[in-house]
Amino acid sequence: MKILKQLEKAALLELKRGVSGGVKLVKKPKDITLYDVIVAMENVIALNRCVINKGICGLSSQCPVHPIWFKVRNKLIEALKEIKFSGLLTQGASS
């Protein structure tokens, strides 16, 4: 139920209690991305904490990998935004 509540708060689902209640998608599967769901659940997408907050790591200004984390994170976000739930449904039906 906690997961459903988070998805409802992100305006991806509508929850209705009672005899005729249930769970309803607010958007069409073609309009919901994997990015939308992950952000609804985690609030942010990051592979490393220093990408969210530079202050966490005192070495981020000297770290040769730090800028790479940003590039990788941006590419991951782009890829997740391309994955639509309608495509996941289609892929699941064919396997």
PDB file of N, CA and C in Angstrom:
ATOM      1  N   MET A   1       0.818  -1.194   0.000  1.00  0.00           N
ATOM      2  CA  MET A   1       0.000   0.000   0.000  1.00  0.00           C
ATOM      3  C   MET A   1       0.866   1.264   0.000  1.00  0.00           C
ATOM      4  N   LYS A   2       2.036   1.184   0.678  1.00  0.00           N
ATOM      5  CA  LYS A   2       2.930   2.347   0.696  1.00  0.00           C
ATOM      6  C   LYS A   2       3.372   2.713  -0.714  1.00  0.00           C
ATOM      7  N   ILE A   3       3.685   1.704  -1.509  1.00  0.00           N
ATOM      8  CA  ILE A   3       4.127   1.943  -2.884  1.00  0.00           C
ATOM      9  C   ILE A   3       3.007   2.593  -3.685  1.00  0.00           C
ATOM     10  N   LEU A   4       1.811   2.074  -3.548  1.00  0.00           N
ATOM     11  CA  LEU A   4       0.672   2.646  -4.269  1.00  0.00           C
ATOM     12  C   LEU A   4       0.432   4.097  -3.864  1.00  0.00           C
ATOM     13  N   LYS A   5       0.565   4.383  -2.585  1.00  0.00           N
ATOM     14  CA  LYS A   5       0.384   5.761  -2.097  1.00  0.00           C
ATOM     15  C   LYS A   5       1.419   6.696  -2.718  1.00  0.00           C
ATOM     16  N   GLN A   6       2.676   6.235  -2.817  1.00  0.00           N
ATOM     17  CA  GLN A   6       3.719   7.068  -3.424  1.00  0.00           C
ATOM     18  C   GLN A   6       3.429   7.317  -4.898  1.00  0.00           C
ATOM     19  N   LEU A   7       2.953   6.303  -5.594  1.00  0.00           N
ATOM     20  CA  LEU A   7       2.622   6.455  -7.011  1.00  0.00           C
ATOM     21  C   LEU A   7       1.398   7.360  -7.187  1.00  0.00           C
ATOM     22  N   GLU A   8       0.482   7.304  -6.239  1.00  0.00           N
ATOM     23  CA  GLU A   8      -0.674   8.200  -6.281  1.00  0.00           C
ATOM     24  C   GLU A   8      -0.229   9.645  -6.044  1.00  0.00           C
ATOM     25  N   LYS A   9       0.659   9.849  -5.090  1.00  0.00           N
ATOM     26  CA  LYS A   9       1.173  11.192  -4.797  1.00  0.00           C
ATOM     27  C   LYS A   9       1.884  11.792  -6.014  1.00  0.00           C
ATOM     28  N   ALA A  10       2.515  10.938  -6.808  1.00  0.00           N
ATOM     29  CA  ALA A  10       3.209  11.388  -8.021  1.00  0.00           C
ATOM     30  C   ALA A  10       2.257  11.529  -9.199  1.00  0.00           C
ATOM     31  N   ALA A  11       0.958  11.372  -8.963  1.00  0.00           N
ATOM     32  CA  ALA A  11      -0.082  11.507  -9.989  1.00  0.00           C
ATOM     33  C   ALA A  11       0.048  10.478 -11.113  1.00  0.00           C
ATOM     34  N   LEU A  12       0.487   9.275 -10.736  1.00  0.00           N
ATOM     35  CA  LEU A  12       0.551   8.189 -11.713  1.00  0.00           C
ATOM     36  C   LEU A  12      -0.632   7.230 -11.550  1.00  0.00           C
ATOM     37  N   LEU A  13      -1.133   7.137 -10.319  1.00  0.00           N
ATOM     38  CA  LEU A  13      -2.253   6.250 -10.003  1.00  0.00           C
ATOM     39  C   LEU A  13      -3.350   7.016  -9.288  1.00  0.00           C
ATOM     40  N   GLU A  14      -4.525   6.417  -9.329  1.00  0.00           N
ATOM     41  CA  GLU A  14      -5.641   6.916  -8.526  1.00  0.00           C
ATOM     42  C   GLU A  14      -6.139   5.735  -7.704  1.00  0.00           C
ATOM     43  N   LEU A  15      -6.218   5.924  -6.404  1.00  0.00           N
ATOM     44  CA  LEU A  15      -6.691   4.875  -5.511  1.00  0.00           C
ATOM     45  C   LEU A  15      -8.104   5.203  -5.062  1.00  0.00           C
ATOM     46  N   LYS A  16      -8.951   4.190  -5.088  1.00  0.00           N
ATOM     47  CA  LYS A  16     -10.327   4.389  -4.652  1.00  0.00           C
ATOM     48  C   LYS A  16     -10.689   3.275  -3.688  1.00  0.00           C
ATOM     49  N   ARG A  17     -11.152   3.664  -2.518  1.00  0.00           N
ATOM     50  CA  ARG A  17     -11.538   2.685  -1.493  1.00  0.00           C
ATOM     51  C   ARG A  17     -12.986   2.249  -1.692  1.00  0.00           C
ATOM     52  N   GLY A  18     -13.303   1.175  -1.042  1.00  0.00           N
ATOM     53  CA  GLY A  18     -14.691   0.730  -1.035  1.00  0.00           C
ATOM     54  C   GLY A  18     -14.947  -0.461  -1.941  1.00  0.00           C
ATOM     55  N   VAL A  19     -16.221  -0.835  -2.003  1.00  0.00           N
ATOM     56  CA  VAL A  19     -16.644  -2.012  -2.756  1.00  0.00           C
ATOM     57  C   VAL A  19     -16.290  -1.892  -4.239  1.00  0.00           C
ATOM     58  N   SER A  20     -16.517  -0.739  -4.805  1.00  0.00           N
ATOM     59  CA  SER A  20     -16.207  -0.545  -6.221  1.00  0.00           C
ATOM     60  C   SER A  20     -14.838   0.111  -6.412  1.00  0.00           C
ATOM     61  N   GLY A  21     -14.019   0.035  -5.382  1.00  0.00           N
ATOM     62  CA  GLY A  21     -12.709   0.668  -5.418  1.00  0.00           C
ATOM     63  C   GLY A  21     -11.686  -0.138  -6.190  1.00  0.00           C
ATOM     64  N   GLY A  22     -10.480   0.399  -6.192  1.00  0.00           N
ATOM     65  CA  GLY A  22      -9.390  -0.275  -6.879  1.00  0.00           C
ATOM     66  C   GLY A  22      -8.281   0.704  -7.202  1.00  0.00           C
ATOM     67  N   VAL A  23      -7.476   0.317  -8.157  1.00  0.00           N
ATOM     68  CA  VAL A  23      -6.336   1.118  -8.589  1.00  0.00           C
ATOM     69  C   VAL A  23      -6.523   1.423 -10.059  1.00  0.00           C
ATOM     70  N   LYS A  24      -6.340   2.689 -10.426  1.00  0.00           N
ATOM     71  CA  LYS A  24      -6.519   3.113 -11.815  1.00  0.00           C
ATOM     72  C   LYS A  24      -5.325   3.970 -12.222  1.00  0.00           C
ATOM     73  N   LEU A  25      -4.804   3.722 -13.403  1.00  0.00           N
ATOM     74  CA  LEU A  25      -3.749   4.582 -13.933  1.00  0.00           C
ATOM     75  C   LEU A  25      -4.340   5.945 -14.274  1.00  0.00           C
ATOM     76  N   VAL A  26      -3.647   7.004 -13.910  1.00  0.00           N
ATOM     77  CA  VAL A  26      -4.089   8.358 -14.226  1.00  0.00           C
ATOM     78  C   VAL A  26      -3.682   8.709 -15.656  1.00  0.00           C
ATOM     79  N   LYS A  27      -2.507   8.199 -16.053  1.00  0.00           N
ATOM     80  CA  LYS A  27      -2.002   8.436 -17.399  1.00  0.00           C
ATOM     81  C   LYS A  27      -2.065   7.138 -18.185  1.00  0.00           C
ATOM     82  N   LYS A  28      -1.983   7.256 -19.493  1.00  0.00           N
ATOM     83  CA  LYS A  28      -1.920   6.078 -20.349  1.00  0.00           C
ATOM     84  C   LYS A  28      -0.521   5.466 -20.236  1.00  0.00           C
ATOM     85  N   PRO A  29      -0.401   4.139 -20.392  1.00  0.00           N
ATOM     86  CA  PRO A  29       0.915   3.495 -20.301  1.00  0.00           C
ATOM     87  C   PRO A  29       1.953   4.104 -21.246  1.00  0.00           C
ATOM     88  N   LYS A  30       1.535   4.634 -22.373  1.00  0.00           N
ATOM     89  CA  LYS A  30       2.485   5.255 -23.308  1.00  0.00           C
ATOM     90  C   LYS A  30       3.017   6.588 -22.782  1.00  0.00           C
ATOM     91  N   ASP A  31       2.362   7.134 -21.765  1.00  0.00           N
ATOM     92  CA  ASP A  31       2.779   8.417 -21.187  1.00  0.00           C
ATOM     93  C   ASP A  31       3.503   8.264 -19.846  1.00  0.00           C
ATOM     94  N   ILE A  32       3.688   7.028 -19.406  1.00  0.00           N
ATOM     95  CA  ILE A  32       4.385   6.774 -18.135  1.00  0.00           C
ATOM     96  C   ILE A  32       5.735   6.143 -18.459  1.00  0.00           C
ATOM     97  N   THR A  33       6.786   6.751 -17.934  1.00  0.00           N
ATOM     98  CA  THR A  33       8.127   6.224 -18.179  1.00  0.00           C
ATOM     99  C   THR A  33       8.670   5.548 -16.919  1.00  0.00           C
ATOM    100  N   LEU A  34       9.684   4.759 -17.133  1.00  0.00           N
ATOM    101  CA  LEU A  34      10.360   4.138 -16.003  1.00  0.00           C
ATOM    102  C   LEU A  34      10.974   5.215 -15.100  1.00  0.00           C
ATOM    103  N   TYR A  35      11.420   6.301 -15.701  1.00  0.00           N
ATOM    104  CA  TYR A  35      11.942   7.442 -14.945  1.00  0.00           C
ATOM    105  C   TYR A  35      10.876   7.977 -13.986  1.00  0.00           C
ATOM    106  N   ASP A  36       9.648   8.144 -14.475  1.00  0.00           N
ATOM    107  CA  ASP A  36       8.560   8.663 -13.634  1.00  0.00           C
ATOM    108  C   ASP A  36       8.367   7.810 -12.381  1.00  0.00           C
ATOM    109  N   VAL A  37       8.384   6.507 -12.561  1.00  0.00           N
ATOM    110  CA  VAL A  37       8.137   5.594 -11.441  1.00  0.00           C
ATOM    111  C   VAL A  37       9.307   5.611 -10.455  1.00  0.00           C
ATOM    112  N   ILE A  38      10.530   5.591 -10.976  1.00  0.00           N
ATOM    113  CA  ILE A  38      11.693   5.587 -10.086  1.00  0.00           C
ATOM    114  C   ILE A  38      11.763   6.882  -9.276  1.00  0.00           C
ATOM    115  N   VAL A  39      11.497   8.010  -9.907  1.00  0.00           N
ATOM    116  CA  VAL A  39      11.513   9.289  -9.187  1.00  0.00           C
ATOM    117  C   VAL A  39      10.381   9.325  -8.154  1.00  0.00           C
ATOM    118  N   ALA A  40       9.235   8.749  -8.492  1.00  0.00           N
ATOM    119  CA  ALA A  40       8.127   8.697  -7.533  1.00  0.00           C
ATOM    120  C   ALA A  40       8.511   7.886  -6.300  1.00  0.00           C
ATOM    121  N   MET A  41       9.306   6.852  -6.496  1.00  0.00           N
ATOM    122  CA  MET A  41       9.684   5.978  -5.391  1.00  0.00           C
ATOM    123  C   MET A  41      10.922   6.469  -4.630  1.00  0.00           C
ATOM    124  N   GLU A  42      11.897   7.001  -5.353  1.00  0.00           N
ATOM    125  CA  GLU A  42      13.183   7.344  -4.747  1.00  0.00           C
ATOM    126  C   GLU A  42      13.425   8.849  -4.606  1.00  0.00           C
ATOM    127  N   ASN A  43      12.631   9.662  -5.247  1.00  0.00           N
ATOM    128  CA  ASN A  43      12.724  11.128  -5.264  1.00  0.00           C
ATOM    129  C   ASN A  43      13.846  11.665  -6.144  1.00  0.00           C
ATOM    130  N   VAL A  44      14.885  10.890  -6.361  1.00  0.00           N
ATOM    131  CA  VAL A  44      16.018  11.350  -7.160  1.00  0.00           C
ATOM    132  C   VAL A  44      16.730  10.124  -7.733  1.00  0.00           C
ATOM    133  N   ILE A  45      17.368  10.323  -8.873  1.00  0.00           N
ATOM    134  CA  ILE A  45      18.154   9.246  -9.468  1.00  0.00           C
ATOM    135  C   ILE A  45      19.616   9.652  -9.385  1.00  0.00           C
ATOM    136  N   ALA A  46      20.394   8.845  -8.692  1.00  0.00           N
ATOM    137  CA  ALA A  46      21.824   9.116  -8.570  1.00  0.00           C
ATOM    138  C   ALA A  46      22.549   7.808  -8.341  1.00  0.00           C
ATOM    139  N   LEU A  47      23.698   7.688  -8.961  1.00  0.00           N
ATOM    140  CA  LEU A  47      24.510   6.486  -8.797  1.00  0.00           C
ATOM    141  C   LEU A  47      25.468   6.623  -7.624  1.00  0.00           C
ATOM    142  N   ASN A  48      25.661   7.852  -7.188  1.00  0.00           N
ATOM    143  CA  ASN A  48      26.584   8.122  -6.098  1.00  0.00           C
ATOM    144  C   ASN A  48      26.038   9.321  -5.318  1.00  0.00           C
ATOM    145  N   ARG A  49      26.189   9.307  -4.025  1.00  0.00           N
ATOM    146  CA  ARG A  49      25.640  10.389  -3.182  1.00  0.00           C
ATOM    147  C   ARG A  49      26.223  11.754  -3.508  1.00  0.00           C
ATOM    148  N   CYS A  50      27.476  11.797  -3.961  1.00  0.00           N
ATOM    149  CA  CYS A  50      28.109  13.088  -4.227  1.00  0.00           C
ATOM    150  C   CYS A  50      27.491  13.796  -5.427  1.00  0.00           C
ATOM    151  N   VAL A  51      26.774  13.061  -6.266  1.00  0.00           N
ATOM    152  CA  VAL A  51      26.096  13.680  -7.407  1.00  0.00           C
ATOM    153  C   VAL A  51      24.894  14.490  -6.916  1.00  0.00           C
ATOM    154  N   ILE A  52      24.293  14.038  -5.841  1.00  0.00           N
ATOM    155  CA  ILE A  52      23.144  14.737  -5.264  1.00  0.00           C
ATOM    156  C   ILE A  52      23.608  15.948  -4.456  1.00  0.00           C
ATOM    157  N   ASN A  53      24.684  15.756  -3.696  1.00  0.00           N
ATOM    158  CA  ASN A  53      25.161  16.806  -2.800  1.00  0.00           C
ATOM    159  C   ASN A  53      26.688  16.766  -2.742  1.00  0.00           C
ATOM    160  N   LYS A  54      27.333  17.746  -3.361  1.00  0.00           N
ATOM    161  CA  LYS A  54      28.803  17.792  -3.379  1.00  0.00           C
ATOM    162  C   LYS A  54      29.390  17.865  -1.971  1.00  0.00           C
ATOM    163  N   GLY A  55      28.661  18.429  -1.031  1.00  0.00           N
ATOM    164  CA  GLY A  55      29.140  18.594   0.328  1.00  0.00           C
ATOM    165  C   GLY A  55      29.349  17.283   1.073  1.00  0.00           C
ATOM    166  N   ILE A  56      28.779  16.196   0.562  1.00  0.00           N
ATOM    167  CA  ILE A  56      28.922  14.893   1.210  1.00  0.00           C
ATOM    168  C   ILE A  56      30.362  14.401   1.134  1.00  0.00           C
ATOM    169  N   CYS A  57      31.015  14.716   0.030  1.00  0.00           N
ATOM    170  CA  CYS A  57      32.383  14.234  -0.181  1.00  0.00           C
ATOM    171  C   CYS A  57      33.332  15.424  -0.283  1.00  0.00           C
ATOM    172  N   GLY A  58      34.295  15.487   0.597  1.00  0.00           N
ATOM    173  CA  GLY A  58      35.258  16.576   0.583  1.00  0.00           C
ATOM    174  C   GLY A  58      36.252  16.500  -0.566  1.00  0.00           C
ATOM    175  N   LEU A  59      36.229  15.399  -1.302  1.00  0.00           N
ATOM    176  CA  LEU A  59      37.187  15.206  -2.389  1.00  0.00           C
ATOM    177  C   LEU A  59      36.589  15.472  -3.781  1.00  0.00           C
ATOM    178  N   SER A  60      35.310  15.820  -3.846  1.00  0.00           N
ATOM    179  CA  SER A  60      34.647  15.942  -5.150  1.00  0.00           C
ATOM    180  C   SER A  60      35.322  16.951  -6.076  1.00  0.00           C
ATOM    181  N   SER A  61      35.919  18.012  -5.528  1.00  0.00           N
ATOM    182  CA  SER A  61      36.573  19.007  -6.385  1.00  0.00           C
ATOM    183  C   SER A  61      37.871  18.474  -6.984  1.00  0.00           C
ATOM    184  N   GLN A  62      38.472  17.475  -6.359  1.00  0.00           N
ATOM    185  CA  GLN A  62      39.729  16.899  -6.835  1.00  0.00           C
ATOM    186  C   GLN A  62      39.535  15.532  -7.498  1.00  0.00           C
ATOM    187  N   CYS A  63      38.380  14.993  -7.402  1.00  0.00           N
ATOM    188  CA  CYS A  63      38.112  13.632  -7.855  1.00  0.00           C
ATOM    189  C   CYS A  63      37.968  13.583  -9.376  1.00  0.00           C
ATOM    190  N   PRO A  64      38.790  12.809 -10.058  1.00  0.00           N
ATOM    191  CA  PRO A  64      38.700  12.722 -11.508  1.00  0.00           C
ATOM    192  C   PRO A  64      37.450  11.973 -11.985  1.00  0.00           C
ATOM    193  N   VAL A  65      36.825  11.207 -11.109  1.00  0.00           N
ATOM    194  CA  VAL A  65      35.639  10.433 -11.478  1.00  0.00           C
ATOM    195  C   VAL A  65      34.346  11.224 -11.281  1.00  0.00           C
ATOM    196  N   HIS A  66      34.396  12.245 -10.447  1.00  0.00           N
ATOM    197  CA  HIS A  66      33.184  13.010 -10.122  1.00  0.00           C
ATOM    198  C   HIS A  66      32.433  13.513 -11.367  1.00  0.00           C
ATOM    199  N   PRO A  67      33.091  14.159 -12.330  1.00  0.00           N
ATOM    200  CA  PRO A  67      32.362  14.613 -13.522  1.00  0.00           C
ATOM    201  C   PRO A  67      31.783  13.454 -14.339  1.00  0.00           C
ATOM    202  N   ILE A  68      32.422  12.314 -14.259  1.00  0.00           N
ATOM    203  CA  ILE A  68      31.928  11.142 -14.990  1.00  0.00           C
ATOM    204  C   ILE A  68      30.609  10.671 -14.403  1.00  0.00           C
ATOM    205  N   TRP A  69      30.472  10.722 -13.061  1.00  0.00           N
ATOM    206  CA  TRP A  69      29.207  10.344 -12.426  1.00  0.00           C
ATOM    207  C   TRP A  69      28.051  11.186 -12.963  1.00  0.00           C
ATOM    208  N   PHE A  70      28.285  12.476 -13.189  1.00  0.00           N
ATOM    209  CA  PHE A  70      27.235  13.348 -13.733  1.00  0.00           C
ATOM    210  C   PHE A  70      26.856  12.935 -15.149  1.00  0.00           C
ATOM    211  N   LYS A  71      27.852  12.637 -15.969  1.00  0.00           N
ATOM    212  CA  LYS A  71      27.574  12.210 -17.352  1.00  0.00           C
ATOM    213  C   LYS A  71      26.801  10.895 -17.373  1.00  0.00           C
ATOM    214  N   VAL A  72      27.238   9.948 -16.553  1.00  0.00           N
ATOM    215  CA  VAL A  72      26.572   8.648 -16.498  1.00  0.00           C
ATOM    216  C   VAL A  72      25.136   8.815 -15.987  1.00  0.00           C
ATOM    217  N   ARG A  73      24.966   9.636 -14.978  1.00  0.00           N
ATOM    218  CA  ARG A  73      23.633   9.876 -14.424  1.00  0.00           C
ATOM    219  C   ARG A  73      22.718  10.477 -15.484  1.00  0.00           C
ATOM    220  N   ASN A  74      23.203  11.460 -16.231  1.00  0.00           N
ATOM    221  CA  ASN A  74      22.391  12.094 -17.275  1.00  0.00           C
ATOM    222  C   ASN A  74      22.011  11.104 -18.366  1.00  0.00           C
ATOM    223  N   LYS A  75      22.931  10.236 -18.750  1.00  0.00           N
ATOM    224  CA  LYS A  75      22.628   9.224 -19.764  1.00  0.00           C
ATOM    225  C   LYS A  75      21.611   8.212 -19.242  1.00  0.00           C
ATOM    226  N   LEU A  76      21.741   7.842 -17.971  1.00  0.00           N
ATOM    227  CA  LEU A  76      20.784   6.930 -17.362  1.00  0.00           C
ATOM    228  C   LEU A  76      19.389   7.552 -17.352  1.00  0.00           C
ATOM    229  N   ILE A  77      19.298   8.817 -16.966  1.00  0.00           N
ATOM    230  CA  ILE A  77      18.001   9.508 -16.932  1.00  0.00           C
ATOM    231  C   ILE A  77      17.399   9.560 -18.332  1.00  0.00           C
ATOM    232  N   GLU A  78      18.195   9.890 -19.334  1.00  0.00           N
ATOM    233  CA  GLU A  78      17.708   9.911 -20.719  1.00  0.00           C
ATOM    234  C   GLU A  78      17.153   8.545 -21.119  1.00  0.00           C
ATOM    235  N   ALA A  79      17.895   7.485 -20.796  1.00  0.00           N
ATOM    236  CA  ALA A  79      17.467   6.127 -21.154  1.00  0.00           C
ATOM    237  C   ALA A  79      16.176   5.746 -20.434  1.00  0.00           C
ATOM    238  N   LEU A  80      16.062   6.074 -19.157  1.00  0.00           N
ATOM    239  CA  LEU A  80      14.856   5.741 -18.394  1.00  0.00           C
ATOM    240  C   LEU A  80      13.642   6.501 -18.905  1.00  0.00           C
ATOM    241  N   LYS A  81      13.847   7.711 -19.398  1.00  0.00           N
ATOM    242  CA  LYS A  81      12.737   8.502 -19.947  1.00  0.00           C
ATOM    243  C   LYS A  81      12.258   7.949 -21.285  1.00  0.00           C
ATOM    244  N   GLU A  82      13.080   7.165 -21.947  1.00  0.00           N
ATOM    245  CA  GLU A  82      12.690   6.563 -23.229  1.00  0.00           C
ATOM    246  C   GLU A  82      11.905   5.264 -23.050  1.00  0.00           C
ATOM    247  N   ILE A  83      11.983   4.682 -21.861  1.00  0.00           N
ATOM    248  CA  ILE A  83      11.299   3.408 -21.616  1.00  0.00           C
ATOM    249  C   ILE A  83       9.882   3.683 -21.140  1.00  0.00           C
ATOM    250  N   LYS A  84       8.937   3.427 -22.013  1.00  0.00           N
ATOM    251  CA  LYS A  84       7.521   3.655 -21.720  1.00  0.00           C
ATOM    252  C   LYS A  84       6.889   2.351 -21.216  1.00  0.00           C
ATOM    253  N   PHE A  85       5.900   2.468 -20.363  1.00  0.00           N
ATOM    254  CA  PHE A  85       5.244   1.282 -19.849  1.00  0.00           C
ATOM    255  C   PHE A  85       4.482   0.536 -20.935  1.00  0.00           C
ATOM    256  N   SER A  86       4.027   1.231 -21.942  1.00  0.00           N
ATOM    257  CA  SER A  86       3.351   0.548 -23.050  1.00  0.00           C
ATOM    258  C   SER A  86       4.326  -0.409 -23.734  1.00  0.00           C
ATOM    259  N   GLY A  87       5.589  -0.004 -23.854  1.00  0.00           N
ATOM    260  CA  GLY A  87       6.603  -0.875 -24.441  1.00  0.00           C
ATOM    261  C   GLY A  87       6.910  -2.063 -23.556  1.00  0.00           C
ATOM    262  N   LEU A  88       6.927  -1.847 -22.260  1.00  0.00           N
ATOM    263  CA  LEU A  88       7.152  -2.965 -21.326  1.00  0.00           C
ATOM    264  C   LEU A  88       6.020  -3.981 -21.404  1.00  0.00           C
ATOM    265  N   LEU A  89       4.795  -3.486 -21.560  1.00  0.00           N
ATOM    266  CA  LEU A  89       3.649  -4.376 -21.670  1.00  0.00           C
ATOM    267  C   LEU A  89       3.733  -5.200 -22.950  1.00  0.00           C
ATOM    268  N   THR A  90       4.139  -4.563 -24.036  1.00  0.00           N
ATOM    269  CA  THR A  90       4.254  -5.245 -25.326  1.00  0.00           C
ATOM    270  C   THR A  90       5.367  -6.289 -25.273  1.00  0.00           C
ATOM    271  N   GLN A  91       6.508  -5.917 -24.702  1.00  0.00           N
ATOM    272  CA  GLN A  91       7.637  -6.847 -24.598  1.00  0.00           C
ATOM    273  C   GLN A  91       7.272  -8.053 -23.728  1.00  0.00           C
ATOM    274  N   GLY A  92       6.556  -7.809 -22.656  1.00  0.00           N
ATOM    275  CA  GLY A  92       6.162  -8.891 -21.759  1.00  0.00           C
ATOM    276  C   GLY A  92       5.215  -9.860 -22.424  1.00  0.00           C
ATOM    277  N   ALA A  93       4.350  -9.362 -23.295  1.00  0.00           N
ATOM    278  CA  ALA A  93       3.379 -10.223 -23.975  1.00  0.00           C
ATOM    279  C   ALA A  93       4.046 -11.094 -25.021  1.00  0.00           C
ATOM    280  N   SER A  94       5.151 -10.631 -25.588  1.00  0.00           N
ATOM    281  CA  SER A  94       5.803 -11.393 -26.649  1.00  0.00           C
ATOM    282  C   SER A  94       6.800 -12.415 -26.130  1.00  0.00           C
ATOM    283  N   SER A  95       7.138 -12.361 -24.839  1.00  0.00           N
ATOM    284  CA  SER A  95       8.119 -13.332 -24.330  1.00  0.00           C
ATOM    285  C   SER A  95       7.479 -14.500 -23.639  1.00  0.00           C
TER     286      SER A  95
END
